[in-house]
Amino acid sequence: MKRRSRDRRTRLNRADQAISHLENIIIDSSLDIDIRNSAAEDIFRTCMRHNRTIPESVKSLICRGCKGILIPGETARVRIRNRIRITTCLTCSRERRLPLYPGVLN
């Protein structure tokens, strides 16, 4: 029997659809935090597997250490110091430092 060939374009389209669906789950605040954490892990894994970038809308909501969701005040602490936003995950204590105004230099 002939082995079925895999269509790269179809696989990447399905991956993009899955990523957008998981993105909607992460953003939806009415869902339980466990479901959102699971979606954050899945979106990270899917993007790595299919060589896709994590969408900018959820990139700042996912901890790079524990792959959990970062909700300011619940699972993350956000501080601003010297025009740098410091987001600390309360689960794994990993910090993420981003400039508050990326285009403006000191």
C-alpha atoms as a PDB file:
ATOM      1  CA  MET A   1       0.000   0.000   0.000  1.00  0.00           C
ATOM      2  CA  LYS A   2       1.090   3.507  -0.731  1.00  0.00           C
ATOM      3  CA  ARG A   3       1.917   5.630   2.275  1.00  0.00           C
ATOM      4  CA  ARG A   4      -0.186   8.768   2.544  1.00  0.00           C
ATOM      5  CA  SER A   5       1.931  11.870   2.079  1.00  0.00           C
ATOM      6  CA  ARG A   6       1.608  14.681   4.537  1.00  0.00           C
ATOM      7  CA  ASP A   7       0.743  18.070   3.189  1.00  0.00           C
ATOM      8  CA  ARG A   8       2.840  20.701   4.949  1.00  0.00           C
ATOM      9  CA  ARG A   9       0.458  23.543   4.152  1.00  0.00           C
ATOM     10  CA  THR A  10      -2.526  21.695   5.616  1.00  0.00           C
ATOM     11  CA  ARG A  11      -0.585  20.828   8.774  1.00  0.00           C
ATOM     12  CA  LEU A  12       0.475  24.441   9.310  1.00  0.00           C
ATOM     13  CA  ASN A  13      -3.072  25.710   8.681  1.00  0.00           C
ATOM     14  CA  ARG A  14      -4.392  23.327  11.310  1.00  0.00           C
ATOM     15  CA  ALA A  15      -1.670  24.463  13.708  1.00  0.00           C
ATOM     16  CA  ASP A  16      -2.603  28.115  13.127  1.00  0.00           C
ATOM     17  CA  GLN A  17      -6.273  27.338  13.773  1.00  0.00           C
ATOM     18  CA  ALA A  18      -5.380  25.531  16.988  1.00  0.00           C
ATOM     19  CA  ILE A  19      -3.182  28.421  18.116  1.00  0.00           C
ATOM     20  CA  SER A  20      -5.942  30.979  17.515  1.00  0.00           C
ATOM     21  CA  HIS A  21      -8.458  28.793  19.378  1.00  0.00           C
ATOM     22  CA  LEU A  22      -6.085  28.419  22.351  1.00  0.00           C
ATOM     23  CA  GLU A  23      -5.431  32.166  22.259  1.00  0.00           C
ATOM     24  CA  ASN A  24      -9.162  32.816  22.677  1.00  0.00           C
ATOM     25  CA  ILE A  25      -9.266  30.418  25.643  1.00  0.00           C
ATOM     26  CA  ILE A  26      -6.337  32.169  27.346  1.00  0.00           C
ATOM     27  CA  ILE A  27      -7.862  35.627  26.902  1.00  0.00           C
ATOM     28  CA  ASP A  28     -11.344  34.573  28.124  1.00  0.00           C
ATOM     29  CA  SER A  29     -11.405  35.579  31.795  1.00  0.00           C
ATOM     30  CA  SER A  30     -14.686  33.789  32.534  1.00  0.00           C
ATOM     31  CA  LEU A  31     -13.017  30.361  32.297  1.00  0.00           C
ATOM     32  CA  ASP A  32     -11.415  28.518  35.188  1.00  0.00           C
ATOM     33  CA  ILE A  33      -7.715  29.173  35.778  1.00  0.00           C
ATOM     34  CA  ASP A  34      -6.843  25.478  35.358  1.00  0.00           C
ATOM     35  CA  ILE A  35      -8.331  25.465  31.853  1.00  0.00           C
ATOM     36  CA  ARG A  36      -6.425  28.625  30.979  1.00  0.00           C
ATOM     37  CA  ASN A  37      -3.179  27.143  32.348  1.00  0.00           C
ATOM     38  CA  SER A  38      -3.691  24.042  30.238  1.00  0.00           C
ATOM     39  CA  ALA A  39      -4.309  26.195  27.156  1.00  0.00           C
ATOM     40  CA  ALA A  40      -1.125  28.167  27.879  1.00  0.00           C
ATOM     41  CA  GLU A  41       0.930  24.965  28.009  1.00  0.00           C
ATOM     42  CA  ASP A  42      -0.714  23.695  24.822  1.00  0.00           C
ATOM     43  CA  ILE A  43      -0.145  26.901  22.880  1.00  0.00           C
ATOM     44  CA  PHE A  44       3.507  26.946  23.928  1.00  0.00           C
ATOM     45  CA  ARG A  45       3.967  23.312  22.889  1.00  0.00           C
ATOM     46  CA  THR A  46       2.121  23.777  19.585  1.00  0.00           C
ATOM     47  CA  CYS A  47       4.133  26.851  18.644  1.00  0.00           C
ATOM     48  CA  MET A  48       7.403  25.086  19.401  1.00  0.00           C
ATOM     49  CA  ARG A  49       6.441  21.946  17.487  1.00  0.00           C
ATOM     50  CA  HIS A  50       5.306  23.775  14.354  1.00  0.00           C
ATOM     51  CA  ASN A  51       7.957  26.511  14.440  1.00  0.00           C
ATOM     52  CA  ARG A  52       5.424  29.283  14.967  1.00  0.00           C
ATOM     53  CA  THR A  53       5.724  32.362  17.139  1.00  0.00           C
ATOM     54  CA  ILE A  54       3.477  32.837  20.132  1.00  0.00           C
ATOM     55  CA  PRO A  55       0.943  35.595  19.293  1.00  0.00           C
ATOM     56  CA  GLU A  56       1.833  38.978  20.778  1.00  0.00           C
ATOM     57  CA  SER A  57      -1.567  39.238  22.454  1.00  0.00           C
ATOM     58  CA  VAL A  58      -0.807  36.283  24.747  1.00  0.00           C
ATOM     59  CA  LYS A  59       2.991  36.337  24.817  1.00  0.00           C
ATOM     60  CA  SER A  60       3.063  38.567  27.883  1.00  0.00           C
ATOM     61  CA  LEU A  61       0.414  36.393  29.602  1.00  0.00           C
ATOM     62  CA  ILE A  62       2.461  33.161  29.586  1.00  0.00           C
ATOM     63  CA  CYS A  63       5.315  32.473  32.007  1.00  0.00           C
ATOM     64  CA  ARG A  64       8.387  31.126  30.237  1.00  0.00           C
ATOM     65  CA  GLY A  65       9.409  29.174  33.337  1.00  0.00           C
ATOM     66  CA  CYS A  66       6.368  27.177  34.415  1.00  0.00           C
ATOM     67  CA  LYS A  67       4.270  27.719  31.228  1.00  0.00           C
ATOM     68  CA  GLY A  68       1.400  29.008  33.365  1.00  0.00           C
ATOM     69  CA  ILE A  69      -0.906  31.939  32.802  1.00  0.00           C
ATOM     70  CA  LEU A  70       0.105  35.298  34.299  1.00  0.00           C
ATOM     71  CA  ILE A  71      -2.832  37.204  35.745  1.00  0.00           C
ATOM     72  CA  PRO A  72      -1.745  40.440  37.431  1.00  0.00           C
ATOM     73  CA  GLY A  73      -2.753  40.369  41.092  1.00  0.00           C
ATOM     74  CA  GLU A  74      -3.560  36.626  41.147  1.00  0.00           C
ATOM     75  CA  THR A  75      -0.684  34.647  39.663  1.00  0.00           C
ATOM     76  CA  ALA A  76       1.703  37.493  38.851  1.00  0.00           C
ATOM     77  CA  ARG A  77       3.091  40.618  40.456  1.00  0.00           C
ATOM     78  CA  VAL A  78       3.725  43.621  38.199  1.00  0.00           C
ATOM     79  CA  ARG A  79       6.071  46.423  39.230  1.00  0.00           C
ATOM     80  CA  ILE A  80       7.377  49.404  37.288  1.00  0.00           C
ATOM     81  CA  ARG A  81      10.884  50.570  38.084  1.00  0.00           C
ATOM     82  CA  ASN A  82      13.032  52.949  35.994  1.00  0.00           C
ATOM     83  CA  ARG A  83      10.706  52.688  32.969  1.00  0.00           C
ATOM     84  CA  ILE A  84      10.957  48.881  33.034  1.00  0.00           C
ATOM     85  CA  ARG A  85       7.932  46.659  33.667  1.00  0.00           C
ATOM     86  CA  ILE A  86       8.921  43.744  35.900  1.00  0.00           C
ATOM     87  CA  THR A  87       6.444  40.863  35.891  1.00  0.00           C
ATOM     88  CA  THR A  88       7.111  38.184  38.501  1.00  0.00           C
ATOM     89  CA  CYS A  89       5.371  34.807  38.351  1.00  0.00           C
ATOM     90  CA  LEU A  90       4.112  33.904  41.816  1.00  0.00           C
ATOM     91  CA  THR A  91       4.265  30.181  40.994  1.00  0.00           C
ATOM     92  CA  CYS A  92       7.914  29.811  39.956  1.00  0.00           C
ATOM     93  CA  SER A  93       9.303  33.297  40.873  1.00  0.00           C
ATOM     94  CA  ARG A  94      10.638  33.900  37.376  1.00  0.00           C
ATOM     95  CA  GLU A  95      10.929  37.567  36.390  1.00  0.00           C
ATOM     96  CA  ARG A  96      10.335  39.055  32.988  1.00  0.00           C
ATOM     97  CA  ARG A  97      11.650  42.544  32.322  1.00  0.00           C
ATOM     98  CA  LEU A  98      10.254  44.584  29.452  1.00  0.00           C
ATOM     99  CA  PRO A  99      10.780  48.279  28.685  1.00  0.00           C
ATOM    100  CA  LEU A 100       7.685  50.315  29.358  1.00  0.00           C
ATOM    101  CA  TYR A 101       8.208  52.428  26.237  1.00  0.00           C
ATOM    102  CA  PRO A 102      10.115  50.222  23.738  1.00  0.00           C
ATOM    103  CA  GLY A 103      10.759  52.952  21.142  1.00  0.00           C
ATOM    104  CA  VAL A 104      12.006  55.612  23.583  1.00  0.00           C
ATOM    105  CA  LEU A 105      15.623  55.614  24.709  1.00  0.00           C
ATOM    106  CA  ASN A 106      16.865  57.172  27.954  1.00  0.00           C
END
